[in-house]
Amino acid sequence: ALAAKIKVYPNPAQDLVRLSSETANIVQVAIYDVNARLVQTIAFDSTQDAAFSVASLSKGIYQLHIETDKGRVIKPLSVQ
């Protein structure tokens, strides 16, 4: 239920990725590559709308592990 209330856009992304949550506050995002290696961690000040840059990431598919005050959600992200 929590996963349906968190949006990741644009997806695929080139520069900036935005996160928005209807009910939970976003605390942190951990970005993992296809080999399950941690690429980057971004902390937020417990907000329902957040943005971060993916300009430094290589093109490919990533997993976003989104920590909220109501639990963790995993979402896919394509970087072009």
Protein backbone atom coordinates (compact mmCIF):
# COMPACT_ATOMS: atom_id res chain seq x y z
CA ALA A 1 0.00 0.00 0.00
CA LEU A 2 2.84 2.42 0.82
CA ALA A 3 4.57 1.73 -2.51
CA ALA A 4 1.50 2.87 -4.45
CA LYS A 5 1.56 6.22 -2.63
CA ILE A 6 5.18 7.07 -3.49
CA LYS A 7 5.85 8.40 -6.98
CA VAL A 8 9.24 8.49 -8.72
CA TYR A 9 9.41 10.73 -11.79
CA PRO A 10 10.53 11.22 -14.46
CA ASN A 11 11.38 7.60 -15.07
CA PRO A 12 13.51 7.18 -17.16
CA ALA A 13 15.55 10.12 -15.88
CA GLN A 14 18.53 12.08 -17.19
CA ASP A 15 19.32 14.76 -14.62
CA LEU A 16 16.88 15.30 -11.77
CA VAL A 17 14.60 12.74 -10.13
CA ARG A 18 11.66 13.79 -8.00
CA LEU A 19 9.95 11.81 -5.28
CA SER A 20 6.54 12.58 -3.89
CA SER A 21 4.60 10.79 -1.20
CA GLU A 22 0.94 11.19 -0.34
CA THR A 23 1.16 9.93 3.24
CA ALA A 24 4.74 9.28 4.38
CA ASN A 25 7.73 11.52 4.99
CA ILE A 26 10.82 10.60 2.96
CA VAL A 27 13.89 10.33 5.16
CA GLN A 28 16.55 8.73 2.93
CA VAL A 29 17.10 7.23 -0.50
CA ALA A 30 19.77 4.61 -1.20
CA ILE A 31 20.57 3.94 -4.87
CA TYR A 32 21.73 0.43 -5.83
CA ASP A 33 23.00 -0.72 -9.22
CA VAL A 34 21.99 -3.97 -10.97
CA ASN A 35 24.73 -5.83 -9.08
CA ALA A 36 23.18 -4.78 -5.75
CA ARG A 37 26.09 -2.43 -4.98
CA LEU A 38 25.29 0.74 -3.08
CA VAL A 39 26.02 3.65 -5.42
CA GLN A 40 24.78 6.66 -3.48
CA THR A 41 22.84 7.58 -0.34
CA ILE A 42 20.87 10.81 -0.01
CA ALA A 43 19.36 12.03 3.24
CA PHE A 44 16.33 14.31 3.42
CA ASP A 45 14.79 16.38 6.21
CA SER A 46 11.68 14.17 6.47
CA THR A 47 9.71 15.64 3.59
CA GLN A 48 6.87 14.48 1.33
CA ASP A 49 8.49 15.99 -1.78
CA ALA A 50 12.16 15.48 -2.56
CA ALA A 51 14.53 15.75 -5.52
CA PHE A 52 18.05 14.57 -6.27
CA SER A 53 20.44 14.52 -9.20
CA VAL A 54 21.34 11.38 -11.16
CA ALA A 55 23.57 13.26 -13.62
CA SER A 56 26.68 11.57 -12.22
CA LEU A 57 25.28 8.04 -12.59
CA SER A 58 26.01 5.83 -15.58
CA LYS A 59 23.16 4.90 -17.87
CA GLY A 60 21.33 1.82 -16.65
CA ILE A 61 18.77 0.39 -14.28
CA TYR A 62 18.92 1.11 -10.55
CA GLN A 63 16.88 0.32 -7.47
CA LEU A 64 15.84 3.09 -5.13
CA HIS A 65 15.48 1.99 -1.51
CA ILE A 66 13.27 4.75 -0.14
CA GLU A 67 13.17 5.03 3.66
CA THR A 68 10.11 6.77 5.07
CA ASP A 69 8.71 7.32 8.53
CA LYS A 70 6.21 4.54 7.70
CA GLY A 71 8.60 1.93 6.29
CA ARG A 72 10.81 1.12 3.29
CA VAL A 73 9.79 1.01 -0.37
CA ILE A 74 11.88 -0.26 -3.29
CA LYS A 75 11.29 1.34 -6.70
CA PRO A 76 13.07 0.84 -10.03
CA LEU A 77 14.76 3.76 -11.79
CA SER A 78 16.12 3.92 -15.31
CA VAL A 79 18.87 6.47 -16.01
CA GLN A 80 19.44 7.48 -19.62
